[in-house]
C-alpha atoms as a PDB file:
ATOM      1  CA  UNK A   1      -3.889  -2.599  -5.555  1.00  0.00           C
ATOM      2  CA  UNK A   2      -2.145  -4.195  -2.597  1.00  0.00           C
ATOM      3  CA  UNK A   3       1.048  -4.607  -4.618  1.00  0.00           C
ATOM      4  CA  UNK A   4       0.984  -0.908  -5.483  1.00  0.00           C
ATOM      5  CA  UNK A   5       0.591  -0.081  -1.798  1.00  0.00           C
ATOM      6  CA  UNK A   6       3.610  -2.181  -0.880  1.00  0.00           C
ATOM      7  CA  UNK A   7       5.633  -0.580  -3.660  1.00  0.00           C
ATOM      8  CA  UNK A   8       4.750   2.842  -2.242  1.00  0.00           C
ATOM      9  CA  UNK A   9       5.655   1.790   1.292  1.00  0.00           C
ATOM     10  CA  UNK A  10       9.050   0.528   0.118  1.00  0.00           C
ATOM     11  CA  UNK A  11       9.676   3.684  -1.901  1.00  0.00           C
ATOM     12  CA  UNK A  12       8.923   5.759   1.213  1.00  0.00           C
ATOM     13  CA  UNK A  13      11.279   3.742   3.408  1.00  0.00           C
ATOM     14  CA  UNK A  14      14.446   5.565   4.377  1.00  0.00           C
ATOM     15  CA  UNK A  15      17.495   4.643   2.349  1.00  0.00           C
ATOM     16  CA  UNK A  16      15.805   2.605  -0.377  1.00  0.00           C
ATOM     17  CA  UNK A  17      16.753   4.971  -3.181  1.00  0.00           C
ATOM     18  CA  UNK A  18      20.356   3.725  -3.041  1.00  0.00           C
ATOM     19  CA  UNK A  19      19.507   0.015  -2.878  1.00  0.00           C
ATOM     20  CA  UNK A  20      20.007  -2.620  -5.531  1.00  0.00           C
ATOM     21  CA  UNK A  21      16.975  -4.460  -6.963  1.00  0.00           C
ATOM     22  CA  UNK A  22      17.821  -7.471  -4.786  1.00  0.00           C
ATOM     23  CA  UNK A  23      17.936  -5.333  -1.665  1.00  0.00           C
ATOM     24  CA  UNK A  24      14.661  -3.637  -2.629  1.00  0.00           C
ATOM     25  CA  UNK A  25      13.003  -7.045  -3.021  1.00  0.00           C
ATOM     26  CA  UNK A  26      14.137  -7.997   0.475  1.00  0.00           C
ATOM     27  CA  UNK A  27      12.838  -4.718   1.921  1.00  0.00           C
ATOM     28  CA  UNK A  28       9.521  -5.286   0.129  1.00  0.00           C
ATOM     29  CA  UNK A  29       9.162  -8.723   1.725  1.00  0.00           C
ATOM     30  CA  UNK A  30       9.856  -7.266   5.154  1.00  0.00           C
ATOM     31  CA  UNK A  31       7.464  -4.376   4.550  1.00  0.00           C
ATOM     32  CA  UNK A  32       4.751  -6.810   3.463  1.00  0.00           C
ATOM     33  CA  UNK A  33       5.169  -8.829   6.661  1.00  0.00           C
ATOM     34  CA  UNK A  34       5.072  -5.699   8.794  1.00  0.00           C
ATOM     35  CA  UNK A  35       1.983  -4.325   7.059  1.00  0.00           C
ATOM     36  CA  UNK A  36       0.100  -7.614   7.380  1.00  0.00           C
ATOM     37  CA  UNK A  37       0.674  -7.432  11.134  1.00  0.00           C
ATOM     38  CA  UNK A  38      -0.950  -3.980  11.344  1.00  0.00           C
ATOM     39  CA  UNK A  39      -4.708  -4.122  12.042  1.00  0.00           C
ATOM     40  CA  UNK A  40      -5.343  -0.949  10.031  1.00  0.00           C
ATOM     41  CA  UNK A  41      -3.651  -2.346   6.946  1.00  0.00           C
ATOM     42  CA  UNK A  42      -5.481  -5.660   7.228  1.00  0.00           C
ATOM     43  CA  UNK A  43      -8.789  -3.804   7.391  1.00  0.00           C
ATOM     44  CA  UNK A  44      -7.961  -1.683   4.357  1.00  0.00           C
ATOM     45  CA  UNK A  45      -6.701  -4.738   2.477  1.00  0.00           C
ATOM     46  CA  UNK A  46      -9.963  -6.569   3.164  1.00  0.00           C
ATOM     47  CA  UNK A  47     -11.837  -3.566   1.823  1.00  0.00           C
ATOM     48  CA  UNK A  48      -9.971  -3.840  -1.487  1.00  0.00           C
ATOM     49  CA  UNK A  49     -12.463  -6.491  -2.493  1.00  0.00           C
ATOM     50  CA  UNK A  50     -15.440  -4.185  -2.029  1.00  0.00           C
ATOM     51  CA  UNK A  51     -14.323  -1.001  -3.765  1.00  0.00           C
ATOM     52  CA  UNK A  52     -15.780   0.542  -6.844  1.00  0.00           C
ATOM     53  CA  UNK A  53     -13.973   1.582  -9.957  1.00  0.00           C
ATOM     54  CA  UNK A  54     -13.391   5.147  -8.719  1.00  0.00           C
ATOM     55  CA  UNK A  55     -11.814   4.008  -5.451  1.00  0.00           C
ATOM     56  CA  UNK A  56      -9.646   1.432  -7.215  1.00  0.00           C
ATOM     57  CA  UNK A  57      -8.473   4.056  -9.690  1.00  0.00           C
ATOM     58  CA  UNK A  58      -7.735   6.453  -6.848  1.00  0.00           C
ATOM     59  CA  UNK A  59      -5.672   3.830  -5.007  1.00  0.00           C
ATOM     60  CA  UNK A  60      -3.786   2.734  -8.105  1.00  0.00           C
ATOM     61  CA  UNK A  61      -2.916   6.339  -8.939  1.00  0.00           C
ATOM     62  CA  UNK A  62      -1.905   7.244  -5.378  1.00  0.00           C
ATOM     63  CA  UNK A  63       1.638   8.509  -5.032  1.00  0.00           C
ATOM     64  CA  UNK A  64       1.975   7.774  -1.309  1.00  0.00           C
ATOM     65  CA  UNK A  65       0.886   4.986   1.006  1.00  0.00           C
ATOM     66  CA  UNK A  66      -1.175   7.463   3.023  1.00  0.00           C
ATOM     67  CA  UNK A  67      -3.024   8.621  -0.099  1.00  0.00           C
ATOM     68  CA  UNK A  68      -3.700   4.980  -1.027  1.00  0.00           C
ATOM     69  CA  UNK A  69      -5.190   4.327   2.426  1.00  0.00           C
ATOM     70  CA  UNK A  70      -7.316   7.452   2.169  1.00  0.00           C
ATOM     71  CA  UNK A  71      -8.821   6.290  -1.126  1.00  0.00           C
ATOM     72  CA  UNK A  72     -10.069   3.075   0.425  1.00  0.00           C
ATOM     73  CA  UNK A  73     -11.155   4.535   3.735  1.00  0.00           C
ATOM     74  CA  UNK A  74     -13.206   7.156   1.911  1.00  0.00           C
ATOM     75  CA  UNK A  75     -14.984   4.422  -0.025  1.00  0.00           C
ATOM     76  CA  UNK A  76     -16.188   2.767   3.175  1.00  0.00           C
ATOM     77  CA  UNK A  77     -17.388   5.899   4.942  1.00  0.00           C
ATOM     78  CA  UNK A  78     -20.270   6.234   2.530  1.00  0.00           C
END
């Protein structure tokens, strides 16, 4: 699930549509480092371990990073 989130974040980054696979890999590494520094992302990432099948499916089918985050936050409001 976390890999899918990072893929979404990279896809949403400005200018990535014109990048080569090598450049995209570099952007993904940078995005991963940035996200791990964000308290909100770390909290959501920790919650990945405690989600049910419905929440995991929601996150894996999310088309945006914000939708992915919503899937996991909703699971922990209950």
